[in-house]
N, C-alpha and C. Protein backbone atom coordinates (compact mmCIF):
# COMPACT_ATOMS: atom_id res chain seq x y z
N UNK A 1 73.74 -40.54 7.46
CA UNK A 1 73.39 -39.20 7.19
C UNK A 1 71.90 -38.96 7.26
N UNK A 2 71.58 -37.75 7.55
CA UNK A 2 70.18 -37.34 7.66
C UNK A 2 69.59 -37.10 6.28
N UNK A 3 68.28 -37.17 6.20
CA UNK A 3 67.56 -36.85 4.98
C UNK A 3 67.17 -35.38 5.07
N UNK A 4 67.59 -34.61 4.09
CA UNK A 4 67.34 -33.17 4.10
C UNK A 4 65.97 -32.87 3.49
N UNK A 5 65.15 -32.15 4.22
CA UNK A 5 63.86 -31.72 3.69
C UNK A 5 63.71 -30.23 3.95
N UNK A 6 63.21 -29.53 2.96
CA UNK A 6 62.96 -28.09 3.10
C UNK A 6 61.45 -27.89 3.17
N UNK A 7 60.96 -27.45 4.30
CA UNK A 7 59.52 -27.33 4.45
C UNK A 7 59.12 -25.89 4.77
N UNK A 8 57.91 -25.59 4.41
CA UNK A 8 57.29 -24.32 4.77
C UNK A 8 56.11 -24.67 5.67
N UNK A 9 55.98 -23.97 6.78
CA UNK A 9 54.87 -24.24 7.69
C UNK A 9 54.02 -22.99 7.84
N UNK A 10 52.72 -23.19 7.72
CA UNK A 10 51.79 -22.08 7.88
C UNK A 10 51.53 -21.87 9.36
N UNK A 11 51.57 -20.63 9.78
CA UNK A 11 51.33 -20.28 11.18
C UNK A 11 50.19 -19.28 11.26
N UNK A 12 49.47 -19.33 12.36
CA UNK A 12 48.39 -18.38 12.63
C UNK A 12 48.72 -17.69 13.94
N UNK A 13 48.67 -16.37 13.95
CA UNK A 13 48.95 -15.62 15.17
C UNK A 13 47.77 -14.69 15.45
N UNK A 14 47.22 -14.80 16.65
CA UNK A 14 46.14 -13.93 17.10
C UNK A 14 46.76 -12.95 18.09
N UNK A 15 46.83 -11.69 17.70
CA UNK A 15 47.52 -10.68 18.52
C UNK A 15 46.74 -10.29 19.77
N UNK A 16 45.44 -10.16 19.67
CA UNK A 16 44.63 -9.69 20.80
C UNK A 16 43.37 -10.56 20.92
N UNK A 17 43.51 -11.78 21.44
CA UNK A 17 42.37 -12.71 21.46
C UNK A 17 41.19 -12.27 22.31
N UNK A 18 41.41 -11.40 23.31
CA UNK A 18 40.30 -10.96 24.16
C UNK A 18 39.45 -9.88 23.49
N UNK A 19 40.00 -9.24 22.50
CA UNK A 19 39.30 -8.16 21.79
C UNK A 19 38.12 -8.75 21.00
N UNK A 20 36.96 -8.07 20.98
CA UNK A 20 35.83 -8.57 20.18
C UNK A 20 36.16 -8.67 18.69
N UNK A 21 37.11 -7.88 18.24
CA UNK A 21 37.54 -7.92 16.84
C UNK A 21 39.05 -8.21 16.81
N UNK A 22 39.45 -9.48 17.08
CA UNK A 22 40.88 -9.78 17.20
C UNK A 22 41.62 -9.64 15.88
N UNK A 23 42.89 -9.38 15.99
CA UNK A 23 43.76 -9.28 14.82
C UNK A 23 44.36 -10.66 14.55
N UNK A 24 44.05 -11.22 13.39
CA UNK A 24 44.52 -12.56 13.03
C UNK A 24 45.47 -12.43 11.85
N UNK A 25 46.66 -12.95 12.02
CA UNK A 25 47.67 -12.90 10.95
C UNK A 25 48.06 -14.31 10.54
N UNK A 26 48.11 -14.54 9.25
CA UNK A 26 48.60 -15.80 8.70
C UNK A 26 49.96 -15.52 8.08
N UNK A 27 50.91 -16.41 8.33
CA UNK A 27 52.22 -16.25 7.71
C UNK A 27 52.86 -17.61 7.50
N UNK A 28 53.84 -17.63 6.64
CA UNK A 28 54.56 -18.87 6.32
C UNK A 28 55.93 -18.80 6.97
N UNK A 29 56.26 -19.86 7.69
CA UNK A 29 57.55 -19.96 8.36
C UNK A 29 58.45 -20.88 7.53
N UNK A 30 59.57 -20.36 7.11
CA UNK A 30 60.49 -21.13 6.29
C UNK A 30 61.44 -21.92 7.19
N UNK A 31 61.30 -23.24 7.20
CA UNK A 31 62.12 -24.08 8.06
C UNK A 31 63.58 -24.13 7.60
N UNK A 32 63.87 -23.63 6.40
CA UNK A 32 65.25 -23.61 5.90
C UNK A 32 65.99 -22.36 6.36
N UNK A 33 65.30 -21.45 7.02
CA UNK A 33 65.94 -20.24 7.55
C UNK A 33 67.06 -20.65 8.50
N UNK A 34 68.22 -20.00 8.44
CA UNK A 34 69.35 -20.40 9.29
C UNK A 34 69.02 -20.45 10.78
N UNK A 35 68.24 -19.52 11.28
CA UNK A 35 67.89 -19.54 12.71
C UNK A 35 67.01 -20.75 13.03
N UNK A 36 66.06 -21.06 12.15
CA UNK A 36 65.19 -22.22 12.36
C UNK A 36 66.00 -23.52 12.29
N UNK A 37 66.94 -23.57 11.38
CA UNK A 37 67.78 -24.77 11.24
C UNK A 37 68.65 -24.97 12.49
N UNK A 38 69.16 -23.86 13.05
CA UNK A 38 69.96 -23.95 14.27
C UNK A 38 69.13 -24.51 15.42
N UNK A 39 67.93 -23.99 15.59
CA UNK A 39 67.04 -24.49 16.65
C UNK A 39 66.74 -25.97 16.43
N UNK A 40 66.45 -26.33 15.20
CA UNK A 40 66.16 -27.72 14.87
C UNK A 40 67.34 -28.63 15.19
N UNK A 41 68.53 -28.21 14.81
CA UNK A 41 69.73 -29.02 15.08
C UNK A 41 69.97 -29.17 16.58
N UNK A 42 69.72 -28.12 17.35
CA UNK A 42 69.90 -28.20 18.80
C UNK A 42 68.87 -29.14 19.43
N UNK A 43 67.66 -29.15 18.90
CA UNK A 43 66.63 -30.07 19.40
C UNK A 43 67.03 -31.52 19.11
N UNK A 44 67.57 -31.75 17.92
CA UNK A 44 68.02 -33.10 17.56
C UNK A 44 69.19 -33.51 18.45
N UNK A 45 70.13 -32.60 18.68
CA UNK A 45 71.27 -32.89 19.56
C UNK A 45 70.79 -33.23 20.97
N UNK A 46 69.83 -32.49 21.47
CA UNK A 46 69.27 -32.77 22.80
C UNK A 46 68.65 -34.17 22.83
N UNK A 47 67.85 -34.49 21.82
CA UNK A 47 67.20 -35.80 21.76
C UNK A 47 68.20 -36.94 21.68
N UNK A 48 69.28 -36.72 20.95
CA UNK A 48 70.32 -37.75 20.86
C UNK A 48 71.04 -37.90 22.20
N UNK A 49 71.33 -36.77 22.87
CA UNK A 49 72.02 -36.82 24.17
C UNK A 49 71.16 -37.53 25.22
N UNK A 50 69.87 -37.24 25.25
CA UNK A 50 68.98 -37.90 26.21
C UNK A 50 68.91 -39.40 25.92
N UNK A 51 68.84 -39.77 24.65
CA UNK A 51 68.81 -41.20 24.30
C UNK A 51 70.10 -41.90 24.72
N UNK A 52 71.22 -41.24 24.52
CA UNK A 52 72.51 -41.83 24.91
C UNK A 52 72.57 -42.01 26.42
N UNK A 53 72.21 -40.97 27.16
CA UNK A 53 72.22 -41.05 28.62
C UNK A 53 71.26 -42.13 29.11
N UNK A 54 70.07 -42.15 28.54
CA UNK A 54 69.08 -43.15 28.94
C UNK A 54 69.55 -44.57 28.66
N UNK A 55 70.16 -44.76 27.52
CA UNK A 55 70.64 -46.08 27.15
C UNK A 55 71.77 -46.54 28.07
N UNK A 56 72.71 -45.64 28.36
CA UNK A 56 73.84 -45.98 29.23
C UNK A 56 73.40 -46.28 30.66
N UNK A 57 72.28 -45.70 31.09
CA UNK A 57 71.80 -45.87 32.46
C UNK A 57 70.56 -46.75 32.57
N UNK A 58 70.24 -47.46 31.49
CA UNK A 58 69.08 -48.37 31.46
C UNK A 58 67.79 -47.70 31.90
N UNK A 59 67.55 -46.50 31.41
CA UNK A 59 66.33 -45.77 31.74
C UNK A 59 65.29 -46.03 30.66
N UNK A 60 64.14 -46.55 31.03
CA UNK A 60 63.07 -46.70 30.04
C UNK A 60 62.59 -45.32 29.59
N UNK A 61 62.77 -45.04 28.34
CA UNK A 61 62.35 -43.77 27.74
C UNK A 61 61.66 -44.07 26.41
N UNK A 62 60.89 -43.14 25.91
CA UNK A 62 60.27 -43.36 24.59
C UNK A 62 61.30 -43.13 23.47
N UNK A 63 62.16 -44.14 23.27
CA UNK A 63 63.18 -44.06 22.23
C UNK A 63 62.48 -44.13 20.87
N UNK A 64 62.73 -43.14 20.07
CA UNK A 64 62.05 -43.04 18.78
C UNK A 64 63.05 -43.36 17.67
N UNK A 65 62.75 -44.36 16.90
CA UNK A 65 63.60 -44.73 15.78
C UNK A 65 62.81 -44.69 14.49
N UNK A 66 63.52 -44.61 13.41
CA UNK A 66 62.86 -44.66 12.11
C UNK A 66 63.79 -45.40 11.16
N UNK A 67 63.35 -46.57 10.70
CA UNK A 67 64.21 -47.33 9.81
C UNK A 67 64.61 -46.51 8.59
N UNK A 68 65.84 -46.72 8.16
CA UNK A 68 66.33 -46.01 6.97
C UNK A 68 65.50 -46.44 5.77
N UNK A 69 64.94 -45.48 5.09
CA UNK A 69 64.18 -45.78 3.88
C UNK A 69 65.14 -45.87 2.70
N UNK A 70 64.87 -46.78 1.80
CA UNK A 70 65.69 -46.90 0.60
C UNK A 70 65.18 -45.89 -0.42
N UNK A 71 65.75 -44.70 -0.35
CA UNK A 71 65.30 -43.61 -1.22
C UNK A 71 66.36 -43.34 -2.27
N UNK A 72 65.95 -43.42 -3.51
CA UNK A 72 66.83 -43.06 -4.61
C UNK A 72 66.46 -41.64 -5.02
N UNK A 73 67.28 -40.68 -4.59
CA UNK A 73 66.97 -39.27 -4.82
C UNK A 73 66.84 -38.92 -6.29
N UNK A 74 67.51 -39.67 -7.16
CA UNK A 74 67.43 -39.36 -8.59
C UNK A 74 66.01 -39.58 -9.13
N UNK A 75 65.23 -40.43 -8.46
CA UNK A 75 63.84 -40.65 -8.88
C UNK A 75 62.97 -39.42 -8.65
N UNK A 76 63.47 -38.46 -7.88
CA UNK A 76 62.70 -37.26 -7.58
C UNK A 76 63.25 -36.03 -8.30
N UNK A 77 64.21 -36.23 -9.19
CA UNK A 77 64.85 -35.10 -9.86
C UNK A 77 63.88 -34.34 -10.77
N UNK A 78 62.79 -34.97 -11.19
CA UNK A 78 61.82 -34.28 -12.04
C UNK A 78 60.97 -33.28 -11.24
N UNK A 79 61.01 -33.40 -9.91
CA UNK A 79 60.25 -32.47 -9.06
C UNK A 79 61.11 -31.26 -8.72
N UNK A 80 60.51 -30.09 -8.63
CA UNK A 80 61.31 -28.91 -8.28
C UNK A 80 61.86 -29.02 -6.86
N UNK A 81 63.07 -28.52 -6.66
CA UNK A 81 63.66 -28.52 -5.33
C UNK A 81 62.81 -27.67 -4.40
N UNK A 82 62.80 -28.03 -3.13
CA UNK A 82 62.04 -27.26 -2.15
C UNK A 82 60.89 -28.07 -1.59
N UNK A 83 59.81 -27.39 -1.21
CA UNK A 83 58.71 -28.07 -0.51
C UNK A 83 58.05 -29.20 -1.29
N UNK A 84 57.94 -29.08 -2.61
CA UNK A 84 57.29 -30.13 -3.40
C UNK A 84 58.10 -31.43 -3.32
N UNK A 85 59.40 -31.34 -3.55
CA UNK A 85 60.25 -32.52 -3.48
C UNK A 85 60.31 -33.06 -2.05
N UNK A 86 60.41 -32.17 -1.08
CA UNK A 86 60.46 -32.60 0.32
C UNK A 86 59.21 -33.35 0.72
N UNK A 87 58.05 -32.84 0.31
CA UNK A 87 56.79 -33.51 0.64
C UNK A 87 56.74 -34.90 0.02
N UNK A 88 57.20 -35.03 -1.22
CA UNK A 88 57.21 -36.34 -1.88
C UNK A 88 58.14 -37.31 -1.15
N UNK A 89 59.29 -36.83 -0.70
CA UNK A 89 60.22 -37.69 0.05
C UNK A 89 59.61 -38.15 1.37
N UNK A 90 59.00 -37.23 2.08
CA UNK A 90 58.41 -37.56 3.38
C UNK A 90 57.30 -38.60 3.22
N UNK A 91 56.53 -38.51 2.14
CA UNK A 91 55.42 -39.44 1.93
C UNK A 91 55.87 -40.89 1.78
N UNK A 92 57.10 -41.13 1.29
CA UNK A 92 57.54 -42.51 1.08
C UNK A 92 58.42 -43.04 2.21
N UNK A 93 58.71 -42.21 3.19
CA UNK A 93 59.55 -42.67 4.31
C UNK A 93 58.80 -43.66 5.17
N UNK A 94 59.54 -44.56 5.76
CA UNK A 94 58.94 -45.55 6.64
C UNK A 94 58.50 -44.90 7.95
N UNK A 95 57.51 -45.48 8.58
CA UNK A 95 56.95 -44.92 9.81
C UNK A 95 57.93 -45.03 10.98
N UNK A 96 57.83 -44.09 11.89
CA UNK A 96 58.65 -44.11 13.10
C UNK A 96 58.17 -45.21 14.03
N UNK A 97 59.09 -45.70 14.86
CA UNK A 97 58.78 -46.74 15.84
C UNK A 97 59.24 -46.26 17.21
N UNK A 98 58.52 -46.66 18.26
CA UNK A 98 58.91 -46.28 19.62
C UNK A 98 59.13 -47.55 20.42
N UNK A 99 60.25 -47.57 21.14
CA UNK A 99 60.61 -48.69 22.01
C UNK A 99 61.04 -48.10 23.35
N UNK A 100 60.49 -48.61 24.44
CA UNK A 100 60.81 -48.07 25.76
C UNK A 100 62.04 -48.71 26.39
N UNK A 101 62.63 -49.69 25.75
CA UNK A 101 63.79 -50.36 26.34
C UNK A 101 65.09 -50.08 25.60
N UNK A 102 65.03 -50.04 24.29
CA UNK A 102 66.26 -49.93 23.50
C UNK A 102 66.16 -48.82 22.46
N UNK A 103 67.16 -47.96 22.43
CA UNK A 103 67.16 -46.96 21.36
C UNK A 103 67.40 -47.63 20.01
N UNK A 104 66.74 -47.13 19.01
CA UNK A 104 66.92 -47.63 17.65
C UNK A 104 67.43 -46.49 16.78
N UNK A 105 68.15 -46.82 15.77
CA UNK A 105 68.68 -45.81 14.85
C UNK A 105 67.53 -45.02 14.23
N UNK A 106 67.71 -43.72 14.16
CA UNK A 106 66.73 -42.86 13.50
C UNK A 106 67.33 -42.49 12.14
N UNK A 107 66.91 -43.22 11.12
CA UNK A 107 67.50 -43.07 9.79
C UNK A 107 67.29 -41.70 9.18
N UNK A 108 66.15 -41.08 9.44
CA UNK A 108 65.88 -39.77 8.84
C UNK A 108 66.75 -38.69 9.47
N UNK A 109 66.91 -38.75 10.80
CA UNK A 109 67.75 -37.76 11.48
C UNK A 109 69.23 -38.11 11.40
N UNK A 110 69.53 -39.36 11.13
CA UNK A 110 70.92 -39.79 11.02
C UNK A 110 71.62 -39.91 12.36
N UNK A 111 70.88 -40.32 13.40
CA UNK A 111 71.47 -40.47 14.74
C UNK A 111 71.22 -41.89 15.24
N UNK A 112 72.13 -42.41 16.11
CA UNK A 112 71.98 -43.78 16.58
C UNK A 112 70.83 -43.99 17.56
N UNK A 113 70.38 -42.95 18.22
CA UNK A 113 69.25 -43.04 19.15
C UNK A 113 68.65 -41.66 19.31
N UNK A 114 67.35 -41.61 19.63
CA UNK A 114 66.69 -40.31 19.71
C UNK A 114 65.49 -40.41 20.66
N UNK A 115 65.33 -39.39 21.49
CA UNK A 115 64.16 -39.26 22.36
C UNK A 115 63.62 -37.85 22.15
N UNK A 116 62.34 -37.74 21.83
CA UNK A 116 61.74 -36.40 21.76
C UNK A 116 61.64 -35.89 23.18
N UNK A 117 62.28 -34.74 23.44
CA UNK A 117 62.43 -34.26 24.81
C UNK A 117 62.13 -32.78 24.97
N UNK A 118 62.04 -32.05 23.87
CA UNK A 118 62.05 -30.59 23.94
C UNK A 118 60.68 -29.93 24.02
N UNK A 119 59.59 -30.70 24.02
CA UNK A 119 58.25 -30.09 24.05
C UNK A 119 57.33 -30.78 25.04
N UNK A 120 57.68 -30.78 26.34
CA UNK A 120 56.84 -31.49 27.31
C UNK A 120 55.45 -30.87 27.49
N UNK A 121 55.27 -29.64 27.07
CA UNK A 121 53.95 -29.02 27.17
C UNK A 121 53.02 -29.54 26.07
N UNK A 122 53.60 -29.87 24.91
CA UNK A 122 52.79 -30.29 23.76
C UNK A 122 52.68 -31.79 23.59
N UNK A 123 53.70 -32.54 24.01
CA UNK A 123 53.71 -33.98 23.73
C UNK A 123 53.85 -34.76 25.03
N UNK A 124 52.94 -35.72 25.21
CA UNK A 124 52.94 -36.52 26.43
C UNK A 124 54.23 -37.32 26.58
N UNK A 125 54.74 -37.90 25.50
CA UNK A 125 55.95 -38.71 25.62
C UNK A 125 57.16 -37.85 26.02
N UNK A 126 57.19 -36.59 25.62
CA UNK A 126 58.24 -35.69 26.09
C UNK A 126 58.11 -35.49 27.60
N UNK A 127 56.88 -35.32 28.06
CA UNK A 127 56.63 -35.15 29.49
C UNK A 127 57.07 -36.39 30.26
N UNK A 128 56.78 -37.55 29.71
CA UNK A 128 57.22 -38.80 30.34
C UNK A 128 58.74 -38.84 30.47
N UNK A 129 59.44 -38.44 29.42
CA UNK A 129 60.91 -38.42 29.47
C UNK A 129 61.39 -37.42 30.53
N UNK A 130 60.72 -36.28 30.63
CA UNK A 130 61.09 -35.29 31.65
C UNK A 130 60.82 -35.82 33.06
N UNK A 131 59.88 -36.69 33.21
CA UNK A 131 59.56 -37.30 34.51
C UNK A 131 60.62 -38.34 34.88
N UNK A 132 61.07 -39.09 33.90
CA UNK A 132 62.04 -40.15 34.14
C UNK A 132 63.42 -39.62 34.52
N UNK A 133 63.87 -38.58 33.86
CA UNK A 133 65.24 -38.11 34.06
C UNK A 133 65.50 -37.62 35.49
N UNK A 134 64.67 -36.75 36.08
CA UNK A 134 64.94 -36.32 37.47
C UNK A 134 64.83 -37.48 38.46
N UNK A 135 63.93 -38.41 38.20
CA UNK A 135 63.80 -39.55 39.10
C UNK A 135 65.11 -40.34 39.13
N UNK A 136 65.72 -40.49 37.99
CA UNK A 136 67.00 -41.19 37.93
C UNK A 136 68.06 -40.42 38.70
N UNK A 137 68.07 -39.12 38.53
CA UNK A 137 69.07 -38.28 39.21
C UNK A 137 68.83 -38.25 40.72
N UNK A 138 67.58 -38.09 41.14
CA UNK A 138 67.27 -37.95 42.56
C UNK A 138 67.26 -39.27 43.33
N UNK A 139 66.71 -40.31 42.70
CA UNK A 139 66.50 -41.57 43.42
C UNK A 139 67.37 -42.72 42.91
N UNK A 140 68.11 -42.48 41.84
CA UNK A 140 68.97 -43.52 41.30
C UNK A 140 68.25 -44.59 40.53
N UNK A 141 66.97 -44.36 40.25
CA UNK A 141 66.19 -45.33 39.46
C UNK A 141 65.09 -44.59 38.71
N UNK A 142 64.66 -45.13 37.59
CA UNK A 142 63.58 -44.49 36.83
C UNK A 142 62.27 -44.51 37.61
N UNK A 143 61.43 -43.54 37.37
CA UNK A 143 60.17 -43.41 38.10
C UNK A 143 59.17 -44.51 37.76
N UNK A 144 59.12 -44.96 36.54
CA UNK A 144 58.07 -45.90 36.15
C UNK A 144 58.61 -47.18 35.51
N UNK A 145 59.76 -47.61 35.92
CA UNK A 145 60.36 -48.82 35.36
C UNK A 145 59.45 -50.04 35.51
N UNK A 146 58.83 -50.22 36.67
CA UNK A 146 57.99 -51.39 36.89
C UNK A 146 56.82 -51.43 35.92
N UNK A 147 56.19 -50.30 35.71
CA UNK A 147 55.03 -50.28 34.82
C UNK A 147 55.42 -50.60 33.38
N UNK A 148 56.56 -50.09 32.95
CA UNK A 148 56.99 -50.34 31.57
C UNK A 148 57.44 -51.78 31.41
N UNK A 149 58.19 -52.29 32.38
CA UNK A 149 58.69 -53.66 32.29
C UNK A 149 57.60 -54.70 32.59
N UNK A 150 56.50 -54.28 33.20
CA UNK A 150 55.43 -55.20 33.52
C UNK A 150 55.70 -56.01 34.77
N UNK A 151 56.65 -55.61 35.59
CA UNK A 151 56.97 -56.33 36.84
C UNK A 151 56.29 -55.70 38.03
């Protein structure tokens, strides 16, 4: 099972950046909102599907795993539910690991394998995964297998 965290994220929006006096708005985005949770779940599903496909086809991808942390939730019962408790839980979780050959279980997400794939504009490893997948489809082999394997 996944570890449930309820987070609030601060966002900054500049409505008219070219204007000498731009309009800047600060707002809080509630990650527990049903629409945000749906998007998050679809991103996790995509990452799990890419990891499964990559594993079945021996595609070197940035498989992201996170060992299951031994968290006793009752130790956090004195903290209020919501962002405070979530932040405390996140602080004690074990660090994520990346392996280009074998998917590892992602204990926090509760999936057997995971590849970050949904933000190739923001994250280089997502871009790498996007590069590998079409190469496999078009040429029947990963684009950078030799470099990753060192052969």
